[in-house]
ModelCIF file with pLDDT and N, C-alpha, C, O atoms, coordinates in Angstrom:
data_MODEL
#
_entry.id   MODEL 
#
_entity.id                         1 
_entity.type                       polymer 
_entity.pdbx_number_of_molecules   1 
#
_entity_poly.entity_id                      1 
_entity_poly.type                           'polypeptide(L)' 
_entity_poly.nstd_linkage                   no 
_entity_poly.nstd_monomer                   no 
_entity_poly.pdbx_seq_one_letter_code       AEAQQSEQLFHGWQALVSGGHTLVFYMGLNQASA 
_entity_poly.pdbx_seq_one_letter_code_can   AEAQQSEQLFHGWQALVSGGHTLVFYMGLNQASA 
_entity_poly.pdbx_strand_id                 A 
#
loop_
_entity_poly_seq.entity_id 
_entity_poly_seq.num 
_entity_poly_seq.mon_id 
_entity_poly_seq.hetero 
1 1  ALA n 
1 2  GLU n 
1 3  ALA n 
1 4  GLN n 
1 5  GLN n 
1 6  SER n 
1 7  GLU n 
1 8  GLN n 
1 9  LEU n 
1 10 PHE n 
1 11 HIS n 
1 12 GLY n 
1 13 TRP n 
1 14 GLN n 
1 15 ALA n 
1 16 LEU n 
1 17 VAL n 
1 18 SER n 
1 19 GLY n 
1 20 GLY n 
1 21 HIS n 
1 22 THR n 
1 23 LEU n 
1 24 VAL n 
1 25 PHE n 
1 26 TYR n 
1 27 MET n 
1 28 GLY n 
1 29 LEU n 
1 30 ASN n 
1 31 GLN n 
1 32 ALA n 
1 33 SER n 
1 34 ALA n 
#
_struct_asym.id          A 
_struct_asym.entity_id   1 
#
loop_
_ma_qa_metric.id 
_ma_qa_metric.mode 
_ma_qa_metric.name 
_ma_qa_metric.software_group_id 
_ma_qa_metric.type 
1 global pLDDT . pLDDT 
2 local  pLDDT . pLDDT 
#
_ma_qa_metric_global.metric_id      1 
_ma_qa_metric_global.metric_value   74.00 
_ma_qa_metric_global.model_id       1 
_ma_qa_metric_global.ordinal_id     1 
#
loop_
_ma_qa_metric_local.label_asym_id 
_ma_qa_metric_local.label_comp_id 
_ma_qa_metric_local.label_seq_id 
_ma_qa_metric_local.metric_id 
_ma_qa_metric_local.metric_value 
_ma_qa_metric_local.model_id 
_ma_qa_metric_local.ordinal_id 
A ALA 1  2 46.00 1 1  
A GLU 2  2 45.00 1 2  
A ALA 3  2 49.00 1 3  
A GLN 4  2 48.00 1 4  
A GLN 5  2 48.00 1 5  
A SER 6  2 47.00 1 6  
A GLU 7  2 47.00 1 7  
A GLN 8  2 48.00 1 8  
A LEU 9  2 48.00 1 9  
A PHE 10 2 51.00 1 10 
A HIS 11 2 52.00 1 11 
A GLY 12 2 80.00 1 12 
A TRP 13 2 86.00 1 13 
A GLN 14 2 86.00 1 14 
A ALA 15 2 86.00 1 15 
A LEU 16 2 88.00 1 16 
A VAL 17 2 90.00 1 17 
A SER 18 2 86.00 1 18 
A GLY 19 2 77.00 1 19 
A GLY 20 2 81.00 1 20 
A HIS 21 2 90.00 1 21 
A THR 22 2 94.00 1 22 
A LEU 23 2 94.00 1 23 
A VAL 24 2 95.00 1 24 
A PHE 25 2 92.00 1 25 
A TYR 26 2 88.00 1 26 
A MET 27 2 83.00 1 27 
A GLY 28 2 80.00 1 28 
A LEU 29 2 82.00 1 29 
A ASN 30 2 81.00 1 30 
A GLN 31 2 84.00 1 31 
A ALA 32 2 88.00 1 32 
A SER 33 2 89.00 1 33 
A ALA 34 2 87.00 1 34 
#
loop_
_atom_site.group_PDB 
_atom_site.id 
_atom_site.type_symbol 
_atom_site.label_atom_id 
_atom_site.label_alt_id 
_atom_site.label_comp_id 
_atom_site.label_asym_id 
_atom_site.label_entity_id 
_atom_site.label_seq_id 
_atom_site.pdbx_PDB_ins_code 
_atom_site.Cartn_x 
_atom_site.Cartn_y 
_atom_site.Cartn_z 
_atom_site.occupancy 
_atom_site.B_iso_or_equiv 
_atom_site.pdbx_formal_charge 
_atom_site.auth_seq_id 
_atom_site.auth_comp_id 
_atom_site.auth_asym_id 
_atom_site.auth_atom_id 
_atom_site.pdbx_PDB_model_num 
ATOM 1   N N  . ALA A 1 1  ? 0.826  -1.208  0.000   1.00 46.00 ? 1  ALA A N  1 
ATOM 2   C CA . ALA A 1 1  ? 0.000  0.000   0.000   1.00 46.00 ? 1  ALA A CA 1 
ATOM 3   C C  . ALA A 1 1  ? 0.861  1.260   0.000   1.00 46.00 ? 1  ALA A C  1 
ATOM 4   O O  . ALA A 1 1  ? 0.555  2.218   -0.709  1.00 46.00 ? 1  ALA A O  1 
ATOM 5   N N  . GLU A 1 2  ? 1.930  1.265   0.786   1.00 45.00 ? 2  GLU A N  1 
ATOM 6   C CA . GLU A 1 2  ? 2.784  2.458   0.832   1.00 45.00 ? 2  GLU A CA 1 
ATOM 7   C C  . GLU A 1 2  ? 3.497  2.661   -0.501  1.00 45.00 ? 2  GLU A C  1 
ATOM 8   O O  . GLU A 1 2  ? 3.673  3.794   -0.948  1.00 45.00 ? 2  GLU A O  1 
ATOM 9   N N  . ALA A 1 3  ? 3.903  1.573   -1.132  1.00 49.00 ? 3  ALA A N  1 
ATOM 10  C CA . ALA A 1 3  ? 4.635  1.674   -2.385  1.00 49.00 ? 3  ALA A CA 1 
ATOM 11  C C  . ALA A 1 3  ? 3.738  2.178   -3.502  1.00 49.00 ? 3  ALA A C  1 
ATOM 12  O O  . ALA A 1 3  ? 4.205  2.877   -4.402  1.00 49.00 ? 3  ALA A O  1 
ATOM 13  N N  . GLN A 1 4  ? 2.443  1.829   -3.459  1.00 48.00 ? 4  GLN A N  1 
ATOM 14  C CA . GLN A 1 4  ? 1.529  2.301   -4.484  1.00 48.00 ? 4  GLN A CA 1 
ATOM 15  C C  . GLN A 1 4  ? 1.406  3.812   -4.443  1.00 48.00 ? 4  GLN A C  1 
ATOM 16  O O  . GLN A 1 4  ? 1.161  4.447   -5.470  1.00 48.00 ? 4  GLN A O  1 
ATOM 17  N N  . GLN A 1 5  ? 1.574  4.391   -3.265  1.00 48.00 ? 5  GLN A N  1 
ATOM 18  C CA . GLN A 1 5  ? 1.438  5.829   -3.125  1.00 48.00 ? 5  GLN A CA 1 
ATOM 19  C C  . GLN A 1 5  ? 2.777  6.534   -3.278  1.00 48.00 ? 5  GLN A C  1 
ATOM 20  O O  . GLN A 1 5  ? 2.837  7.763   -3.246  1.00 48.00 ? 5  GLN A O  1 
ATOM 21  N N  . SER A 1 6  ? 3.834  5.781   -3.441  1.00 47.00 ? 6  SER A N  1 
ATOM 22  C CA . SER A 1 6  ? 5.175  6.338   -3.469  1.00 47.00 ? 6  SER A CA 1 
ATOM 23  C C  . SER A 1 6  ? 5.757  6.314   -4.869  1.00 47.00 ? 6  SER A C  1 
ATOM 24  O O  . SER A 1 6  ? 5.415  5.453   -5.679  1.00 47.00 ? 6  SER A O  1 
ATOM 25  N N  . GLU A 1 7  ? 6.630  7.256   -5.146  1.00 47.00 ? 7  GLU A N  1 
ATOM 26  C CA . GLU A 1 7  ? 7.359  7.291   -6.407  1.00 47.00 ? 7  GLU A CA 1 
ATOM 27  C C  . GLU A 1 7  ? 8.540  6.340   -6.367  1.00 47.00 ? 7  GLU A C  1 
ATOM 28  O O  . GLU A 1 7  ? 9.185  6.133   -7.395  1.00 47.00 ? 7  GLU A O  1 
ATOM 29  N N  . GLN A 1 8  ? 8.844  5.759   -5.226  1.00 48.00 ? 8  GLN A N  1 
ATOM 30  C CA . GLN A 1 8  ? 10.063 4.980   -5.061  1.00 48.00 ? 8  GLN A CA 1 
ATOM 31  C C  . GLN A 1 8  ? 9.827  3.477   -5.072  1.00 48.00 ? 8  GLN A C  1 
ATOM 32  O O  . GLN A 1 8  ? 10.466 2.759   -4.302  1.00 48.00 ? 8  GLN A O  1 
ATOM 33  N N  . LEU A 1 9  ? 8.935  2.979   -5.913  1.00 48.00 ? 9  LEU A N  1 
ATOM 34  C CA . LEU A 1 9  ? 8.710  1.544   -6.008  1.00 48.00 ? 9  LEU A CA 1 
ATOM 35  C C  . LEU A 1 9  ? 9.856  0.910   -6.786  1.00 48.00 ? 9  LEU A C  1 
ATOM 36  O O  . LEU A 1 9  ? 10.316 1.463   -7.785  1.00 48.00 ? 9  LEU A O  1 
ATOM 37  N N  . PHE A 1 10 ? 10.309 -0.237  -6.331  1.00 51.00 ? 10 PHE A N  1 
ATOM 38  C CA . PHE A 1 10 ? 11.400 -0.960  -6.960  1.00 51.00 ? 10 PHE A CA 1 
ATOM 39  C C  . PHE A 1 10 ? 12.602 -0.016  -7.041  1.00 51.00 ? 10 PHE A C  1 
ATOM 40  O O  . PHE A 1 10 ? 13.032 0.523   -6.022  1.00 51.00 ? 10 PHE A O  1 
ATOM 41  N N  . HIS A 1 11 ? 13.144 0.186   -8.236  1.00 52.00 ? 11 HIS A N  1 
ATOM 42  C CA . HIS A 1 11 ? 14.217 1.164   -8.420  1.00 52.00 ? 11 HIS A CA 1 
ATOM 43  C C  . HIS A 1 11 ? 13.605 2.472   -8.892  1.00 52.00 ? 11 HIS A C  1 
ATOM 44  O O  . HIS A 1 11 ? 14.319 3.367   -9.343  1.00 52.00 ? 11 HIS A O  1 
ATOM 45  N N  . GLY A 1 12 ? 12.310 2.585   -8.792  1.00 80.00 ? 12 GLY A N  1 
ATOM 46  C CA . GLY A 1 12 ? 11.577 3.752   -9.264  1.00 80.00 ? 12 GLY A CA 1 
ATOM 47  C C  . GLY A 1 12 ? 10.890 3.423   -10.572 1.00 80.00 ? 12 GLY A C  1 
ATOM 48  O O  . GLY A 1 12 ? 11.469 2.776   -11.445 1.00 80.00 ? 12 GLY A O  1 
ATOM 49  N N  . TRP A 1 13 ? 9.670  3.865   -10.703 1.00 86.00 ? 13 TRP A N  1 
ATOM 50  C CA . TRP A 1 13 ? 8.931  3.630   -11.937 1.00 86.00 ? 13 TRP A CA 1 
ATOM 51  C C  . TRP A 1 13 ? 9.652  4.207   -13.139 1.00 86.00 ? 13 TRP A C  1 
ATOM 52  O O  . TRP A 1 13 ? 9.672  3.609   -14.214 1.00 86.00 ? 13 TRP A O  1 
ATOM 53  N N  . GLN A 1 14 ? 10.248 5.383   -12.944 1.00 86.00 ? 14 GLN A N  1 
ATOM 54  C CA . GLN A 1 14 ? 10.930 6.037   -14.069 1.00 86.00 ? 14 GLN A CA 1 
ATOM 55  C C  . GLN A 1 14 ? 12.046 5.154   -14.614 1.00 86.00 ? 14 GLN A C  1 
ATOM 56  O O  . GLN A 1 14 ? 12.219 5.054   -15.829 1.00 86.00 ? 14 GLN A O  1 
ATOM 57  N N  . ALA A 1 15 ? 12.798 4.518   -13.732 1.00 86.00 ? 15 ALA A N  1 
ATOM 58  C CA . ALA A 1 15 ? 13.886 3.638   -14.174 1.00 86.00 ? 15 ALA A CA 1 
ATOM 59  C C  . ALA A 1 15 ? 13.339 2.443   -14.946 1.00 86.00 ? 15 ALA A C  1 
ATOM 60  O O  . ALA A 1 15 ? 13.944 2.004   -15.924 1.00 86.00 ? 15 ALA A O  1 
ATOM 61  N N  . LEU A 1 16 ? 12.194 1.915   -14.508 1.00 88.00 ? 16 LEU A N  1 
ATOM 62  C CA . LEU A 1 16 ? 11.603 0.793   -15.226 1.00 88.00 ? 16 LEU A CA 1 
ATOM 63  C C  . LEU A 1 16 ? 11.169 1.197   -16.625 1.00 88.00 ? 16 LEU A C  1 
ATOM 64  O O  . LEU A 1 16 ? 11.358 0.451   -17.586 1.00 88.00 ? 16 LEU A O  1 
ATOM 65  N N  . VAL A 1 17 ? 10.591 2.378   -16.731 1.00 90.00 ? 17 VAL A N  1 
ATOM 66  C CA . VAL A 1 17 ? 10.079 2.851   -18.017 1.00 90.00 ? 17 VAL A CA 1 
ATOM 67  C C  . VAL A 1 17 ? 11.204 3.221   -18.972 1.00 90.00 ? 17 VAL A C  1 
ATOM 68  O O  . VAL A 1 17 ? 11.113 2.946   -20.168 1.00 90.00 ? 17 VAL A O  1 
ATOM 69  N N  . SER A 1 18 ? 12.257 3.835   -18.464 1.00 86.00 ? 18 SER A N  1 
ATOM 70  C CA . SER A 1 18 ? 13.310 4.352   -19.341 1.00 86.00 ? 18 SER A CA 1 
ATOM 71  C C  . SER A 1 18 ? 14.362 3.320   -19.718 1.00 86.00 ? 18 SER A C  1 
ATOM 72  O O  . SER A 1 18 ? 15.272 3.633   -20.485 1.00 86.00 ? 18 SER A O  1 
ATOM 73  N N  . GLY A 1 19 ? 14.266 2.119   -19.209 1.00 77.00 ? 19 GLY A N  1 
ATOM 74  C CA . GLY A 1 19 ? 15.301 1.120   -19.457 1.00 77.00 ? 19 GLY A CA 1 
ATOM 75  C C  . GLY A 1 19 ? 15.346 0.551   -20.860 1.00 77.00 ? 19 GLY A C  1 
ATOM 76  O O  . GLY A 1 19 ? 16.386 0.036   -21.269 1.00 77.00 ? 19 GLY A O  1 
ATOM 77  N N  . GLY A 1 20 ? 14.258 0.623   -21.615 1.00 81.00 ? 20 GLY A N  1 
ATOM 78  C CA . GLY A 1 20 ? 14.253 0.084   -22.965 1.00 81.00 ? 20 GLY A CA 1 
ATOM 79  C C  . GLY A 1 20 ? 14.363 -1.434  -23.003 1.00 81.00 ? 20 GLY A C  1 
ATOM 80  O O  . GLY A 1 20 ? 14.960 -1.989  -23.925 1.00 81.00 ? 20 GLY A O  1 
ATOM 81  N N  . HIS A 1 21 ? 13.805 -2.095  -22.029 1.00 90.00 ? 21 HIS A N  1 
ATOM 82  C CA . HIS A 1 21 ? 13.924 -3.541  -21.912 1.00 90.00 ? 21 HIS A CA 1 
ATOM 83  C C  . HIS A 1 21 ? 12.549 -4.147  -21.630 1.00 90.00 ? 21 HIS A C  1 
ATOM 84  O O  . HIS A 1 21 ? 11.590 -3.441  -21.318 1.00 90.00 ? 21 HIS A O  1 
ATOM 85  N N  . THR A 1 22 ? 12.484 -5.449  -21.746 1.00 94.00 ? 22 THR A N  1 
ATOM 86  C CA . THR A 1 22 ? 11.240 -6.149  -21.438 1.00 94.00 ? 22 THR A CA 1 
ATOM 87  C C  . THR A 1 22 ? 11.049 -6.172  -19.929 1.00 94.00 ? 22 THR A C  1 
ATOM 88  O O  . THR A 1 22 ? 11.976 -6.472  -19.176 1.00 94.00 ? 22 THR A O  1 
ATOM 89  N N  . LEU A 1 23 ? 9.844  -5.855  -19.502 1.00 94.00 ? 23 LEU A N  1 
ATOM 90  C CA . LEU A 1 23 ? 9.510  -5.907  -18.081 1.00 94.00 ? 23 LEU A CA 1 
ATOM 91  C C  . LEU A 1 23 ? 8.615  -7.113  -17.836 1.00 94.00 ? 23 LEU A C  1 
ATOM 92  O O  . LEU A 1 23 ? 7.636  -7.323  -18.552 1.00 94.00 ? 23 LEU A O  1 
ATOM 93  N N  . VAL A 1 24 ? 8.948  -7.896  -16.835 1.00 95.00 ? 24 VAL A N  1 
ATOM 94  C CA . VAL A 1 24 ? 8.129  -9.037  -16.439 1.00 95.00 ? 24 VAL A CA 1 
ATOM 95  C C  . VAL A 1 24 ? 7.743  -8.829  -14.984 1.00 95.00 ? 24 VAL A C  1 
ATOM 96  O O  . VAL A 1 24 ? 8.599  -8.801  -14.100 1.00 95.00 ? 24 VAL A O  1 
ATOM 97  N N  . PHE A 1 25 ? 6.444  -8.683  -14.746 1.00 92.00 ? 25 PHE A N  1 
ATOM 98  C CA . PHE A 1 25 ? 5.940  -8.529  -13.392 1.00 92.00 ? 25 PHE A CA 1 
ATOM 99  C C  . PHE A 1 25 ? 5.423  -9.884  -12.925 1.00 92.00 ? 25 PHE A C  1 
ATOM 100 O O  . PHE A 1 25 ? 4.513  -10.453 -13.528 1.00 92.00 ? 25 PHE A O  1 
ATOM 101 N N  . TYR A 1 26 ? 6.009  -10.391 -11.850 1.00 88.00 ? 26 TYR A N  1 
ATOM 102 C CA . TYR A 1 26 ? 5.571  -11.652 -11.267 1.00 88.00 ? 26 TYR A CA 1 
ATOM 103 C C  . TYR A 1 26 ? 4.383  -11.406 -10.364 1.00 88.00 ? 26 TYR A C  1 
ATOM 104 O O  . TYR A 1 26 ? 4.350  -10.415 -9.635  1.00 88.00 ? 26 TYR A O  1 
ATOM 105 N N  . MET A 1 27 ? 3.418  -12.287 -10.403 1.00 83.00 ? 27 MET A N  1 
ATOM 106 C CA . MET A 1 27 ? 2.279  -12.264 -9.489  1.00 83.00 ? 27 MET A CA 1 
ATOM 107 C C  . MET A 1 27 ? 1.596  -10.907 -9.511  1.00 83.00 ? 27 MET A C  1 
ATOM 108 O O  . MET A 1 27 ? 1.218  -10.381 -8.465  1.00 83.00 ? 27 MET A O  1 
ATOM 109 N N  . GLY A 1 28 ? 1.439  -10.345 -10.689 1.00 80.00 ? 28 GLY A N  1 
ATOM 110 C CA . GLY A 1 28 ? 0.903  -8.999  -10.802 1.00 80.00 ? 28 GLY A CA 1 
ATOM 111 C C  . GLY A 1 28 ? -0.547 -8.917  -11.218 1.00 80.00 ? 28 GLY A C  1 
ATOM 112 O O  . GLY A 1 28 ? -1.059 -7.821  -11.446 1.00 80.00 ? 28 GLY A O  1 
ATOM 113 N N  . LEU A 1 29 ? -1.223 -10.051 -11.323 1.00 82.00 ? 29 LEU A N  1 
ATOM 114 C CA . LEU A 1 29 ? -2.587 -10.051 -11.829 1.00 82.00 ? 29 LEU A CA 1 
ATOM 115 C C  . LEU A 1 29 ? -3.506 -9.138  -11.018 1.00 82.00 ? 29 LEU A C  1 
ATOM 116 O O  . LEU A 1 29 ? -4.272 -8.366  -11.595 1.00 82.00 ? 29 LEU A O  1 
ATOM 117 N N  . ASN A 1 30 ? -3.439 -9.218  -9.697  1.00 81.00 ? 30 ASN A N  1 
ATOM 118 C CA . ASN A 1 30 ? -4.313 -8.386  -8.858  1.00 81.00 ? 30 ASN A CA 1 
ATOM 119 C C  . ASN A 1 30 ? -3.894 -6.924  -8.842  1.00 81.00 ? 30 ASN A C  1 
ATOM 120 O O  . ASN A 1 30 ? -4.652 -6.061  -8.399  1.00 81.00 ? 30 ASN A O  1 
ATOM 121 N N  . GLN A 1 31 ? -2.687 -6.645  -9.325  1.00 84.00 ? 31 GLN A N  1 
ATOM 122 C CA . GLN A 1 31 ? -2.189 -5.276  -9.332  1.00 84.00 ? 31 GLN A CA 1 
ATOM 123 C C  . GLN A 1 31 ? -2.053 -4.724  -10.747 1.00 84.00 ? 31 GLN A C  1 
ATOM 124 O O  . GLN A 1 31 ? -1.423 -3.685  -10.948 1.00 84.00 ? 31 GLN A O  1 
ATOM 125 N N  . ALA A 1 32 ? -2.637 -5.409  -11.731 1.00 88.00 ? 32 ALA A N  1 
ATOM 126 C CA . ALA A 1 32 ? -2.463 -5.010  -13.135 1.00 88.00 ? 32 ALA A CA 1 
ATOM 127 C C  . ALA A 1 32 ? -2.837 -3.550  -13.377 1.00 88.00 ? 32 ALA A C  1 
ATOM 128 O O  . ALA A 1 32 ? -2.130 -2.850  -14.102 1.00 88.00 ? 32 ALA A O  1 
ATOM 129 N N  . SER A 1 33 ? -3.925 -3.081  -12.787 1.00 89.00 ? 33 SER A N  1 
ATOM 130 C CA . SER A 1 33 ? -4.351 -1.686  -12.993 1.00 89.00 ? 33 SER A CA 1 
ATOM 131 C C  . SER A 1 33 ? -3.321 -0.708  -12.446 1.00 89.00 ? 33 SER A C  1 
ATOM 132 O O  . SER A 1 33 ? -2.978 0.268   -13.113 1.00 89.00 ? 33 SER A O  1 
ATOM 133 N N  . ALA A 1 34 ? -2.827 -0.960  -11.246 1.00 87.00 ? 34 ALA A N  1 
ATOM 134 C CA . ALA A 1 34 ? -1.831 -0.074  -10.639 1.00 87.00 ? 34 ALA A CA 1 
ATOM 135 C C  . ALA A 1 34 ? -0.529 -0.096  -11.432 1.00 87.00 ? 34 ALA A C  1 
ATOM 136 O O  . ALA A 1 34 ? 0.426  0.591   -11.069 1.00 87.00 ? 34 ALA A O  1 
#
C-alpha cells in the first residue's frame, strides 16, 4: 500500500520505463491496474 502511493517503487517507476527492456511482473494479476 505504501509503495503504491510512493514514487520509489522498486528502483523507481521512471527507471523501469526508461530502461528500454522487457519488463516481467511476477504475481501482478491483482495489481495489473496499478
